[in-house]
């Protein structure tokens, strides 16, 4: 089953063509990594899929439904690239609120397990989120996504602001999600993470998808040893 289908997706802002006839799909259980330069349209693509930004042309389906239908997004959880929870909430309150919005009861044991897995300080979680560091705030957003138990996670630069240990811990949790059959669509500037996590990678450059396939396939195409080198060859 395809959890995401994009056909000839185009988006422009005035005279600037940000996305030009983008087509790809993501299968159930697949980890799909999107890479590209700053300002290259990665966040715009994700926002188009979530109907947060209107598209100019093309078709997008989530779980076989038009992305314009609210019900198409019932099975996904989204973390934006600049995650900023309401400052008046405490960390625990934010998690409880997000679960309530999704019609789920709070399982305190499971919440504690995710907090432990990401090493989110439980004392800090009792204080206002405005007191959290960037890394801790990012962990809070990731914890909310992981607790949602959605079939599809859409994560825009999910490891931004995380220290090396936190990155490892989060990647471990993603692997657990993979074993449970979840799909993940994520963008990242860290190609080593994409190489490690993604079943397939898409290279977005100058508004077009220059490559869609396995990271090994991209490395083989340009006869290089690393995804970083292959990416540079691909966009040259």
C-alpha atoms as a PDB file:
ATOM      1  CA  UNK A   1       0.000   0.000   0.000  1.00  0.00           C
ATOM      2  CA  UNK A   2       1.235   3.488  -0.853  1.00  0.00           C
ATOM      3  CA  UNK A   3       1.077   5.884   2.089  1.00  0.00           C
ATOM      4  CA  UNK A   4       2.186   8.870  -0.033  1.00  0.00           C
ATOM      5  CA  UNK A   5       1.661   9.487  -3.748  1.00  0.00           C
ATOM      6  CA  UNK A   6       2.762  12.683  -5.477  1.00  0.00           C
ATOM      7  CA  UNK A   7       2.112  13.094  -9.199  1.00  0.00           C
ATOM      8  CA  UNK A   8       3.398  16.127 -11.136  1.00  0.00           C
ATOM      9  CA  UNK A   9       3.380  18.299  -8.018  1.00  0.00           C
ATOM     10  CA  UNK A  10       4.255  21.900  -8.793  1.00  0.00           C
ATOM     11  CA  UNK A  11       4.486  24.879  -6.487  1.00  0.00           C
ATOM     12  CA  UNK A  12       5.631  28.415  -7.155  1.00  0.00           C
ATOM     13  CA  UNK A  13       5.841  31.631  -5.173  1.00  0.00           C
ATOM     14  CA  UNK A  14       5.371  34.392  -7.684  1.00  0.00           C
ATOM     15  CA  UNK A  15       7.931  33.908 -10.425  1.00  0.00           C
ATOM     16  CA  UNK A  16       9.996  31.463  -8.366  1.00  0.00           C
ATOM     17  CA  UNK A  17       9.332  27.806  -9.216  1.00  0.00           C
ATOM     18  CA  UNK A  18      10.004  25.943  -5.975  1.00  0.00           C
ATOM     19  CA  UNK A  19       8.726  22.502  -7.033  1.00  0.00           C
ATOM     20  CA  UNK A  20       8.497  21.497 -10.678  1.00  0.00           C
ATOM     21  CA  UNK A  21       6.535  18.368 -11.698  1.00  0.00           C
ATOM     22  CA  UNK A  22       7.546  16.309  -8.649  1.00  0.00           C
ATOM     23  CA  UNK A  23       6.480  12.645  -8.752  1.00  0.00           C
ATOM     24  CA  UNK A  24       7.260   9.870  -6.268  1.00  0.00           C
ATOM     25  CA  UNK A  25       5.552   7.477  -3.868  1.00  0.00           C
ATOM     26  CA  UNK A  26       6.265   5.976  -0.460  1.00  0.00           C
ATOM     27  CA  UNK A  27       5.253   2.441   0.424  1.00  0.00           C
ATOM     28  CA  UNK A  28       3.890   1.260   3.742  1.00  0.00           C
ATOM     29  CA  UNK A  29       6.757   0.411   6.092  1.00  0.00           C
ATOM     30  CA  UNK A  30       9.288   2.392   4.055  1.00  0.00           C
ATOM     31  CA  UNK A  31      11.719   4.985   5.386  1.00  0.00           C
ATOM     32  CA  UNK A  32      12.067   7.723   2.757  1.00  0.00           C
ATOM     33  CA  UNK A  33      14.711  10.452   3.104  1.00  0.00           C
ATOM     34  CA  UNK A  34      14.560  13.820   1.337  1.00  0.00           C
ATOM     35  CA  UNK A  35      17.787  15.787   0.920  1.00  0.00           C
ATOM     36  CA  UNK A  36      18.538  19.142  -0.646  1.00  0.00           C
ATOM     37  CA  UNK A  37      20.039  22.575  -0.065  1.00  0.00           C
ATOM     38  CA  UNK A  38      18.741  25.204   2.354  1.00  0.00           C
ATOM     39  CA  UNK A  39      15.771  26.976   0.798  1.00  0.00           C
ATOM     40  CA  UNK A  40      15.540  24.288  -1.858  1.00  0.00           C
ATOM     41  CA  UNK A  41      11.901  23.360  -1.219  1.00  0.00           C
ATOM     42  CA  UNK A  42      12.078  20.435   1.208  1.00  0.00           C
ATOM     43  CA  UNK A  43       9.844  22.046   3.835  1.00  0.00           C
ATOM     44  CA  UNK A  44       7.547  23.381   1.130  1.00  0.00           C
ATOM     45  CA  UNK A  45       7.109  19.875  -0.263  1.00  0.00           C
ATOM     46  CA  UNK A  46       6.139  18.528   3.137  1.00  0.00           C
ATOM     47  CA  UNK A  47       3.730  21.400   3.746  1.00  0.00           C
ATOM     48  CA  UNK A  48       2.148  20.804   0.344  1.00  0.00           C
ATOM     49  CA  UNK A  49       1.561  17.157   1.206  1.00  0.00           C
ATOM     50  CA  UNK A  50      -0.088  18.187   4.466  1.00  0.00           C
ATOM     51  CA  UNK A  51      -2.237  20.811   2.708  1.00  0.00           C
ATOM     52  CA  UNK A  52      -0.631  23.541   4.769  1.00  0.00           C
ATOM     53  CA  UNK A  53       0.420  25.194   1.507  1.00  0.00           C
ATOM     54  CA  UNK A  54      -1.724  25.261  -1.641  1.00  0.00           C
ATOM     55  CA  UNK A  55      -0.250  23.570  -4.697  1.00  0.00           C
ATOM     56  CA  UNK A  56      -0.351  25.026  -8.195  1.00  0.00           C
ATOM     57  CA  UNK A  57      -0.625  21.764 -10.105  1.00  0.00           C
ATOM     58  CA  UNK A  58      -0.537  18.029  -9.590  1.00  0.00           C
ATOM     59  CA  UNK A  59      -2.089  15.475  -7.288  1.00  0.00           C
ATOM     60  CA  UNK A  60      -1.192  14.286  -3.808  1.00  0.00           C
ATOM     61  CA  UNK A  61      -2.671  11.273  -2.035  1.00  0.00           C
ATOM     62  CA  UNK A  62      -2.151  10.131   1.529  1.00  0.00           C
ATOM     63  CA  UNK A  63      -3.265   6.576   2.239  1.00  0.00           C
ATOM     64  CA  UNK A  64      -5.109   6.592  -1.081  1.00  0.00           C
ATOM     65  CA  UNK A  65      -7.106   9.743  -0.312  1.00  0.00           C
ATOM     66  CA  UNK A  66      -6.723  13.260  -1.661  1.00  0.00           C
ATOM     67  CA  UNK A  67      -4.484  15.305   0.621  1.00  0.00           C
ATOM     68  CA  UNK A  68      -7.254  17.916   0.674  1.00  0.00           C
ATOM     69  CA  UNK A  69      -9.411  15.571   2.749  1.00  0.00           C
ATOM     70  CA  UNK A  70      -8.841  15.945   6.476  1.00  0.00           C
ATOM     71  CA  UNK A  71      -9.325  12.197   6.900  1.00  0.00           C
ATOM     72  CA  UNK A  72      -6.231  11.543   4.766  1.00  0.00           C
ATOM     73  CA  UNK A  73      -4.109  12.834   7.648  1.00  0.00           C
ATOM     74  CA  UNK A  74      -5.692  10.784  10.425  1.00  0.00           C
ATOM     75  CA  UNK A  75      -2.928   8.183  10.329  1.00  0.00           C
ATOM     76  CA  UNK A  76       0.075  10.506  10.343  1.00  0.00           C
ATOM     77  CA  UNK A  77       2.023  12.598  12.797  1.00  0.00           C
ATOM     78  CA  UNK A  78       4.026  15.658  11.766  1.00  0.00           C
ATOM     79  CA  UNK A  79       6.996  17.482  13.269  1.00  0.00           C
ATOM     80  CA  UNK A  80       7.858  20.814  11.582  1.00  0.00           C
ATOM     81  CA  UNK A  81      11.404  22.014  11.050  1.00  0.00           C
ATOM     82  CA  UNK A  82      10.975  24.819  13.580  1.00  0.00           C
ATOM     83  CA  UNK A  83       9.055  23.084  16.332  1.00  0.00           C
ATOM     84  CA  UNK A  84       7.849  25.488  19.014  1.00  0.00           C
ATOM     85  CA  UNK A  85       5.323  24.190  21.568  1.00  0.00           C
ATOM     86  CA  UNK A  86       2.955  26.623  23.332  1.00  0.00           C
ATOM     87  CA  UNK A  87       5.132  28.343  25.975  1.00  0.00           C
ATOM     88  CA  UNK A  88       2.357  28.400  28.578  1.00  0.00           C
ATOM     89  CA  UNK A  89       2.334  24.584  28.767  1.00  0.00           C
ATOM     90  CA  UNK A  90       4.521  22.319  30.839  1.00  0.00           C
ATOM     91  CA  UNK A  91       6.280  19.465  29.066  1.00  0.00           C
ATOM     92  CA  UNK A  92       3.971  16.790  30.472  1.00  0.00           C
ATOM     93  CA  UNK A  93       0.929  18.933  29.696  1.00  0.00           C
ATOM     94  CA  UNK A  94       1.998  19.234  26.075  1.00  0.00           C
ATOM     95  CA  UNK A  95       2.286  15.467  25.671  1.00  0.00           C
ATOM     96  CA  UNK A  96      -1.066  14.889  27.359  1.00  0.00           C
ATOM     97  CA  UNK A  97      -2.674  17.565  25.203  1.00  0.00           C
ATOM     98  CA  UNK A  98      -1.326  16.082  21.968  1.00  0.00           C
ATOM     99  CA  UNK A  99      -2.549  12.609  22.913  1.00  0.00           C
ATOM    100  CA  UNK A 100      -5.964  14.010  23.819  1.00  0.00           C
ATOM    101  CA  UNK A 101      -6.207  15.781  20.460  1.00  0.00           C
ATOM    102  CA  UNK A 102      -5.647  12.422  18.783  1.00  0.00           C
ATOM    103  CA  UNK A 103      -8.328  10.741  20.878  1.00  0.00           C
ATOM    104  CA  UNK A 104      -5.836   8.667  22.841  1.00  0.00           C
ATOM    105  CA  UNK A 105      -5.646   8.057  26.557  1.00  0.00           C
ATOM    106  CA  UNK A 106      -2.377   8.859  28.274  1.00  0.00           C
ATOM    107  CA  UNK A 107      -0.448   5.774  29.296  1.00  0.00           C
ATOM    108  CA  UNK A 108       1.889   7.158  31.947  1.00  0.00           C
ATOM    109  CA  UNK A 109       4.111   4.085  31.850  1.00  0.00           C
ATOM    110  CA  UNK A 110       4.563   4.426  28.113  1.00  0.00           C
ATOM    111  CA  UNK A 111       5.176   8.175  28.381  1.00  0.00           C
ATOM    112  CA  UNK A 112       7.854   7.502  30.971  1.00  0.00           C
ATOM    113  CA  UNK A 113       9.381   4.878  28.679  1.00  0.00           C
ATOM    114  CA  UNK A 114       9.669   7.296  25.756  1.00  0.00           C
ATOM    115  CA  UNK A 115      11.100   9.998  28.025  1.00  0.00           C
ATOM    116  CA  UNK A 116      13.694   7.523  29.281  1.00  0.00           C
ATOM    117  CA  UNK A 117      14.444   6.347  25.740  1.00  0.00           C
ATOM    118  CA  UNK A 118      15.184   9.913  24.616  1.00  0.00           C
ATOM    119  CA  UNK A 119      16.741  10.900  27.949  1.00  0.00           C
ATOM    120  CA  UNK A 120      14.240  13.694  28.510  1.00  0.00           C
ATOM    121  CA  UNK A 121      14.694  14.949  32.053  1.00  0.00           C
ATOM    122  CA  UNK A 122      11.476  14.294  33.963  1.00  0.00           C
ATOM    123  CA  UNK A 123      12.032  17.209  36.329  1.00  0.00           C
ATOM    124  CA  UNK A 124      12.296  19.609  33.390  1.00  0.00           C
ATOM    125  CA  UNK A 125       9.113  18.130  31.948  1.00  0.00           C
ATOM    126  CA  UNK A 126       7.215  19.494  34.961  1.00  0.00           C
ATOM    127  CA  UNK A 127       8.279  23.053  34.133  1.00  0.00           C
ATOM    128  CA  UNK A 128       7.235  25.406  31.346  1.00  0.00           C
ATOM    129  CA  UNK A 129       8.483  24.388  27.913  1.00  0.00           C
ATOM    130  CA  UNK A 130       9.856  27.923  27.587  1.00  0.00           C
ATOM    131  CA  UNK A 131      12.623  26.835  29.976  1.00  0.00           C
ATOM    132  CA  UNK A 132      13.763  23.974  27.750  1.00  0.00           C
ATOM    133  CA  UNK A 133      16.902  24.151  25.624  1.00  0.00           C
ATOM    134  CA  UNK A 134      16.647  23.762  21.851  1.00  0.00           C
ATOM    135  CA  UNK A 135      17.697  20.130  22.093  1.00  0.00           C
ATOM    136  CA  UNK A 136      15.241  19.355  24.876  1.00  0.00           C
ATOM    137  CA  UNK A 137      12.445  21.113  22.984  1.00  0.00           C
ATOM    138  CA  UNK A 138      13.207  19.014  19.904  1.00  0.00           C
ATOM    139  CA  UNK A 139      13.142  15.856  22.007  1.00  0.00           C
ATOM    140  CA  UNK A 140       9.716  16.874  23.299  1.00  0.00           C
ATOM    141  CA  UNK A 141       8.380  17.142  19.749  1.00  0.00           C
ATOM    142  CA  UNK A 142       9.909  13.811  18.816  1.00  0.00           C
ATOM    143  CA  UNK A 143       8.428  12.193  21.920  1.00  0.00           C
ATOM    144  CA  UNK A 144       4.971  13.429  20.931  1.00  0.00           C
ATOM    145  CA  UNK A 145       5.359  11.929  17.460  1.00  0.00           C
ATOM    146  CA  UNK A 146       6.612   8.611  18.783  1.00  0.00           C
ATOM    147  CA  UNK A 147       3.789   8.397  21.341  1.00  0.00           C
ATOM    148  CA  UNK A 148       1.175   9.041  18.649  1.00  0.00           C
ATOM    149  CA  UNK A 149       1.552   5.503  17.257  1.00  0.00           C
ATOM    150  CA  UNK A 150       0.632   6.761  13.796  1.00  0.00           C
ATOM    151  CA  UNK A 151       1.269   4.672  10.696  1.00  0.00           C
ATOM    152  CA  UNK A 152       3.231   7.519   9.076  1.00  0.00           C
ATOM    153  CA  UNK A 153       5.646   9.975  10.644  1.00  0.00           C
ATOM    154  CA  UNK A 154       6.469  13.089   8.599  1.00  0.00           C
ATOM    155  CA  UNK A 155       9.531  14.704  10.124  1.00  0.00           C
ATOM    156  CA  UNK A 156      11.182  17.880   8.835  1.00  0.00           C
ATOM    157  CA  UNK A 157      14.814  17.951  10.011  1.00  0.00           C
ATOM    158  CA  UNK A 158      13.942  15.787  13.041  1.00  0.00           C
ATOM    159  CA  UNK A 159      17.463  15.678  14.506  1.00  0.00           C
ATOM    160  CA  UNK A 160      18.088  19.418  14.373  1.00  0.00           C
ATOM    161  CA  UNK A 161      19.591  20.585  17.653  1.00  0.00           C
ATOM    162  CA  UNK A 162      20.174  17.097  19.031  1.00  0.00           C
ATOM    163  CA  UNK A 163      23.542  16.188  20.503  1.00  0.00           C
ATOM    164  CA  UNK A 164      25.323  13.025  19.239  1.00  0.00           C
ATOM    165  CA  UNK A 165      23.943  10.777  21.988  1.00  0.00           C
ATOM    166  CA  UNK A 166      20.394  12.034  21.491  1.00  0.00           C
ATOM    167  CA  UNK A 167      20.696  11.362  17.754  1.00  0.00           C
ATOM    168  CA  UNK A 168      21.654   7.765  18.451  1.00  0.00           C
ATOM    169  CA  UNK A 169      18.803   7.327  20.937  1.00  0.00           C
ATOM    170  CA  UNK A 170      16.248   8.749  18.516  1.00  0.00           C
ATOM    171  CA  UNK A 171      17.487   6.593  15.646  1.00  0.00           C
ATOM    172  CA  UNK A 172      17.091   3.571  17.901  1.00  0.00           C
ATOM    173  CA  UNK A 173      13.469   4.545  18.497  1.00  0.00           C
ATOM    174  CA  UNK A 174      12.915   4.959  14.755  1.00  0.00           C
ATOM    175  CA  UNK A 175      14.242   1.457  14.178  1.00  0.00           C
ATOM    176  CA  UNK A 176      11.736   0.194  16.743  1.00  0.00           C
ATOM    177  CA  UNK A 177       8.998   1.949  14.765  1.00  0.00           C
ATOM    178  CA  UNK A 178      10.238   0.298  11.593  1.00  0.00           C
ATOM    179  CA  UNK A 179       9.953  -3.132  13.207  1.00  0.00           C
ATOM    180  CA  UNK A 180       6.347  -2.248  14.055  1.00  0.00           C
ATOM    181  CA  UNK A 181       5.621  -1.473  10.388  1.00  0.00           C
ATOM    182  CA  UNK A 182       5.536   2.324  10.555  1.00  0.00           C
ATOM    183  CA  UNK A 183       6.500   4.498   7.587  1.00  0.00           C
ATOM    184  CA  UNK A 184       8.720   7.559   7.908  1.00  0.00           C
ATOM    185  CA  UNK A 185       9.149  10.467   5.504  1.00  0.00           C
ATOM    186  CA  UNK A 186      11.914  12.756   6.710  1.00  0.00           C
ATOM    187  CA  UNK A 187      14.127  15.532   5.471  1.00  0.00           C
ATOM    188  CA  UNK A 188      17.698  15.953   6.638  1.00  0.00           C
ATOM    189  CA  UNK A 189      20.908  17.840   5.947  1.00  0.00           C
ATOM    190  CA  UNK A 190      22.929  15.053   7.561  1.00  0.00           C
ATOM    191  CA  UNK A 191      23.511  12.619   4.733  1.00  0.00           C
ATOM    192  CA  UNK A 192      25.090  10.036   7.027  1.00  0.00           C
ATOM    193  CA  UNK A 193      21.757   9.761   8.856  1.00  0.00           C
ATOM    194  CA  UNK A 194      19.905   9.407   5.551  1.00  0.00           C
ATOM    195  CA  UNK A 195      22.359   6.740   4.415  1.00  0.00           C
ATOM    196  CA  UNK A 196      21.805   4.845   7.661  1.00  0.00           C
ATOM    197  CA  UNK A 197      18.032   5.153   7.983  1.00  0.00           C
ATOM    198  CA  UNK A 198      16.429   5.560   4.563  1.00  0.00           C
ATOM    199  CA  UNK A 199      15.357   2.670   2.342  1.00  0.00           C
ATOM    200  CA  UNK A 200      15.225   5.223  -0.463  1.00  0.00           C
ATOM    201  CA  UNK A 201      16.494   8.747  -0.843  1.00  0.00           C
ATOM    202  CA  UNK A 202      15.266  11.614  -3.007  1.00  0.00           C
ATOM    203  CA  UNK A 203      17.578  14.443  -4.080  1.00  0.00           C
ATOM    204  CA  UNK A 204      15.724  17.734  -4.542  1.00  0.00           C
ATOM    205  CA  UNK A 205      17.631  20.414  -6.450  1.00  0.00           C
ATOM    206  CA  UNK A 206      16.533  23.419  -8.488  1.00  0.00           C
ATOM    207  CA  UNK A 207      12.904  22.434  -7.933  1.00  0.00           C
ATOM    208  CA  UNK A 208      13.327  18.964  -9.426  1.00  0.00           C
ATOM    209  CA  UNK A 209      13.943  15.473  -8.101  1.00  0.00           C
ATOM    210  CA  UNK A 210      17.349  14.642  -9.533  1.00  0.00           C
ATOM    211  CA  UNK A 211      17.338  11.113  -8.095  1.00  0.00           C
ATOM    212  CA  UNK A 212      14.968   8.736  -6.312  1.00  0.00           C
ATOM    213  CA  UNK A 213      16.266   5.363  -5.221  1.00  0.00           C
ATOM    214  CA  UNK A 214      18.547   3.649  -2.729  1.00  0.00           C
ATOM    215  CA  UNK A 215      21.570   5.443  -1.348  1.00  0.00           C
ATOM    216  CA  UNK A 216      23.718   2.543  -2.547  1.00  0.00           C
ATOM    217  CA  UNK A 217      22.284   3.033  -6.019  1.00  0.00           C
ATOM    218  CA  UNK A 218      23.234   6.709  -5.975  1.00  0.00           C
ATOM    219  CA  UNK A 219      26.771   5.896  -4.830  1.00  0.00           C
ATOM    220  CA  UNK A 220      27.080   3.251  -7.522  1.00  0.00           C
ATOM    221  CA  UNK A 221      25.795   5.650 -10.183  1.00  0.00           C
ATOM    222  CA  UNK A 222      28.679   8.027  -9.569  1.00  0.00           C
ATOM    223  CA  UNK A 223      31.241   5.404  -8.505  1.00  0.00           C
ATOM    224  CA  UNK A 224      31.906   6.987  -5.120  1.00  0.00           C
ATOM    225  CA  UNK A 225      32.140   5.616  -1.581  1.00  0.00           C
ATOM    226  CA  UNK A 226      29.927   8.005   0.379  1.00  0.00           C
ATOM    227  CA  UNK A 227      26.467   9.464   0.011  1.00  0.00           C
ATOM    228  CA  UNK A 228      27.944  12.926   0.540  1.00  0.00           C
ATOM    229  CA  UNK A 229      30.134  12.572  -2.541  1.00  0.00           C
ATOM    230  CA  UNK A 230      27.296  11.049  -4.544  1.00  0.00           C
ATOM    231  CA  UNK A 231      25.009  13.936  -3.593  1.00  0.00           C
ATOM    232  CA  UNK A 232      27.561  16.510  -4.706  1.00  0.00           C
ATOM    233  CA  UNK A 233      27.947  14.726  -8.038  1.00  0.00           C
ATOM    234  CA  UNK A 234      24.175  14.530  -8.440  1.00  0.00           C
ATOM    235  CA  UNK A 235      23.583  18.262  -8.018  1.00  0.00           C
ATOM    236  CA  UNK A 236      26.632  19.356 -10.032  1.00  0.00           C
END
